[in-house]
Amino acid sequence: MPVVRLPAVLDPATAGRRRIEVSGATLGAVLNDLCKQIPTLRVHLFDPQGALRRHVICVLDGYTRRRLDTAVAPDDEIVVLQAVSGG
């Protein structure tokens, strides 16, 4: 099963879970399964239209991926990152 790794900034939404096994053959399916397992993540990852939020970055095989139709293999690891800004 693919694995999603999450940053510490999402700990409040995930109760500290940072490594979650998911199912799905595309990035969109994987992220949707992740949100089924942890519903509080949906607002952090997706905008109201269902697209990835601008500040969300998914890294798969060492490359940034934003297309939800990107293929995911059963042994892949997806790292979800959120841009953090401030002043």
C-alpha atoms as a PDB file:
ATOM      1  CA  MET A   1       0.000   0.000   0.000  1.00  0.00           C
ATOM      2  CA  PRO A   2       1.187   3.530  -0.635  1.00  0.00           C
ATOM      3  CA  VAL A   3       2.230   5.539   2.403  1.00  0.00           C
ATOM      4  CA  VAL A   4       1.594   9.235   3.001  1.00  0.00           C
ATOM      5  CA  ARG A   5       3.936  11.178   5.264  1.00  0.00           C
ATOM      6  CA  LEU A   6       2.638  14.383   6.823  1.00  0.00           C
ATOM      7  CA  PRO A   7       4.426  17.366   8.368  1.00  0.00           C
ATOM      8  CA  ALA A   8       4.299  18.366  12.030  1.00  0.00           C
ATOM      9  CA  VAL A   9       2.282  21.458  11.152  1.00  0.00           C
ATOM     10  CA  LEU A  10      -0.692  19.115  10.549  1.00  0.00           C
ATOM     11  CA  ASP A  11      -0.372  17.378  13.931  1.00  0.00           C
ATOM     12  CA  PRO A  12      -3.454  19.162  15.344  1.00  0.00           C
ATOM     13  CA  ALA A  13      -5.567  17.755  12.484  1.00  0.00           C
ATOM     14  CA  THR A  14      -4.066  14.249  12.630  1.00  0.00           C
ATOM     15  CA  ALA A  15      -3.624  13.763  16.388  1.00  0.00           C
ATOM     16  CA  GLY A  16       0.097  13.491  15.727  1.00  0.00           C
ATOM     17  CA  ARG A  17      -0.111  10.782  13.064  1.00  0.00           C
ATOM     18  CA  ARG A  18       2.570  11.414  10.472  1.00  0.00           C
ATOM     19  CA  ARG A  19       2.705   8.142   8.511  1.00  0.00           C
ATOM     20  CA  ILE A  20      -0.521   6.714   7.126  1.00  0.00           C
ATOM     21  CA  GLU A  21      -1.004   3.735   4.818  1.00  0.00           C
ATOM     22  CA  VAL A  22      -3.551   4.504   2.117  1.00  0.00           C
ATOM     23  CA  SER A  23      -5.053   2.897  -0.942  1.00  0.00           C
ATOM     24  CA  GLY A  24      -5.358   4.309  -4.433  1.00  0.00           C
ATOM     25  CA  ALA A  25      -3.761   4.192  -7.864  1.00  0.00           C
ATOM     26  CA  THR A  26      -3.616   7.960  -8.416  1.00  0.00           C
ATOM     27  CA  LEU A  27      -2.561  10.890  -6.273  1.00  0.00           C
ATOM     28  CA  GLY A  28      -6.187  12.023  -6.066  1.00  0.00           C
ATOM     29  CA  ALA A  29      -7.405   8.594  -4.949  1.00  0.00           C
ATOM     30  CA  VAL A  30      -4.619   8.362  -2.359  1.00  0.00           C
ATOM     31  CA  LEU A  31      -5.399  11.799  -0.929  1.00  0.00           C
ATOM     32  CA  ASN A  32      -9.132  11.061  -0.891  1.00  0.00           C
ATOM     33  CA  ASP A  33      -8.502   7.826   1.007  1.00  0.00           C
ATOM     34  CA  LEU A  34      -6.288   9.780   3.417  1.00  0.00           C
ATOM     35  CA  CYS A  35      -9.157  12.230   3.989  1.00  0.00           C
ATOM     36  CA  LYS A  36     -11.574   9.358   4.566  1.00  0.00           C
ATOM     37  CA  GLN A  37      -9.274   8.047   7.279  1.00  0.00           C
ATOM     38  CA  ILE A  38      -8.659  11.499   8.765  1.00  0.00           C
ATOM     39  CA  PRO A  39     -11.590  13.748   7.733  1.00  0.00           C
ATOM     40  CA  THR A  40     -10.114  16.821   9.444  1.00  0.00           C
ATOM     41  CA  LEU A  41      -7.373  16.916   6.782  1.00  0.00           C
ATOM     42  CA  ARG A  42      -9.699  17.724   3.881  1.00  0.00           C
ATOM     43  CA  VAL A  43      -9.887  21.470   4.630  1.00  0.00           C
ATOM     44  CA  HIS A  44      -6.102  21.615   4.936  1.00  0.00           C
ATOM     45  CA  LEU A  45      -5.431  19.860   1.614  1.00  0.00           C
ATOM     46  CA  PHE A  46      -8.319  20.771  -0.713  1.00  0.00           C
ATOM     47  CA  ASP A  47     -10.107  23.993  -1.603  1.00  0.00           C
ATOM     48  CA  PRO A  48     -13.933  24.094  -1.802  1.00  0.00           C
ATOM     49  CA  GLN A  49     -13.804  23.137  -5.510  1.00  0.00           C
ATOM     50  CA  GLY A  50     -11.842  19.956  -4.748  1.00  0.00           C
ATOM     51  CA  ALA A  51      -8.461  21.108  -6.082  1.00  0.00           C
ATOM     52  CA  LEU A  52      -5.276  20.985  -4.029  1.00  0.00           C
ATOM     53  CA  ARG A  53      -4.755  24.192  -2.106  1.00  0.00           C
ATOM     54  CA  ARG A  54      -2.029  26.439  -3.547  1.00  0.00           C
ATOM     55  CA  HIS A  55       0.257  25.967  -0.563  1.00  0.00           C
ATOM     56  CA  VAL A  56       0.089  22.138  -0.588  1.00  0.00           C
ATOM     57  CA  ILE A  57       2.997  20.312  -2.211  1.00  0.00           C
ATOM     58  CA  CYS A  58       3.060  16.561  -2.806  1.00  0.00           C
ATOM     59  CA  VAL A  59       6.407  14.891  -3.410  1.00  0.00           C
ATOM     60  CA  LEU A  60       6.368  11.534  -5.186  1.00  0.00           C
ATOM     61  CA  ASP A  61       9.543   9.803  -6.339  1.00  0.00           C
ATOM     62  CA  GLY A  62      11.508  12.956  -5.524  1.00  0.00           C
ATOM     63  CA  TYR A  63       9.388  15.200  -7.754  1.00  0.00           C
ATOM     64  CA  THR A  64       6.729  17.738  -6.862  1.00  0.00           C
ATOM     65  CA  ARG A  65       3.347  16.575  -8.094  1.00  0.00           C
ATOM     66  CA  ARG A  66       0.108  18.544  -8.184  1.00  0.00           C
ATOM     67  CA  ARG A  67      -1.905  16.668 -10.791  1.00  0.00           C
ATOM     68  CA  LEU A  68      -4.428  14.454  -9.056  1.00  0.00           C
ATOM     69  CA  ASP A  69      -4.349  11.969 -11.958  1.00  0.00           C
ATOM     70  CA  THR A  70      -0.641  11.205 -11.357  1.00  0.00           C
ATOM     71  CA  ALA A  71      -0.151   7.431 -11.095  1.00  0.00           C
ATOM     72  CA  VAL A  72       0.862   6.012  -7.711  1.00  0.00           C
ATOM     73  CA  ALA A  73       2.401   2.538  -7.332  1.00  0.00           C
ATOM     74  CA  PRO A  74       1.590   0.269  -4.366  1.00  0.00           C
ATOM     75  CA  ASP A  75       5.046   0.779  -2.829  1.00  0.00           C
ATOM     76  CA  ASP A  76       5.233   4.562  -3.340  1.00  0.00           C
ATOM     77  CA  GLU A  77       5.668   7.101  -0.576  1.00  0.00           C
ATOM     78  CA  ILE A  78       4.003  10.482  -0.927  1.00  0.00           C
ATOM     79  CA  VAL A  79       5.257  13.326   1.224  1.00  0.00           C
ATOM     80  CA  VAL A  80       2.718  16.101   1.763  1.00  0.00           C
ATOM     81  CA  LEU A  81       4.179  19.476   2.615  1.00  0.00           C
ATOM     82  CA  GLN A  82       2.537  22.787   3.349  1.00  0.00           C
ATOM     83  CA  ALA A  83       4.224  26.065   2.629  1.00  0.00           C
ATOM     84  CA  VAL A  84       4.507  28.139   5.791  1.00  0.00           C
ATOM     85  CA  SER A  85       4.769  31.888   5.702  1.00  0.00           C
ATOM     86  CA  GLY A  86       4.716  34.696   8.132  1.00  0.00           C
ATOM     87  CA  GLY A  87       6.229  37.960   8.906  1.00  0.00           C
END
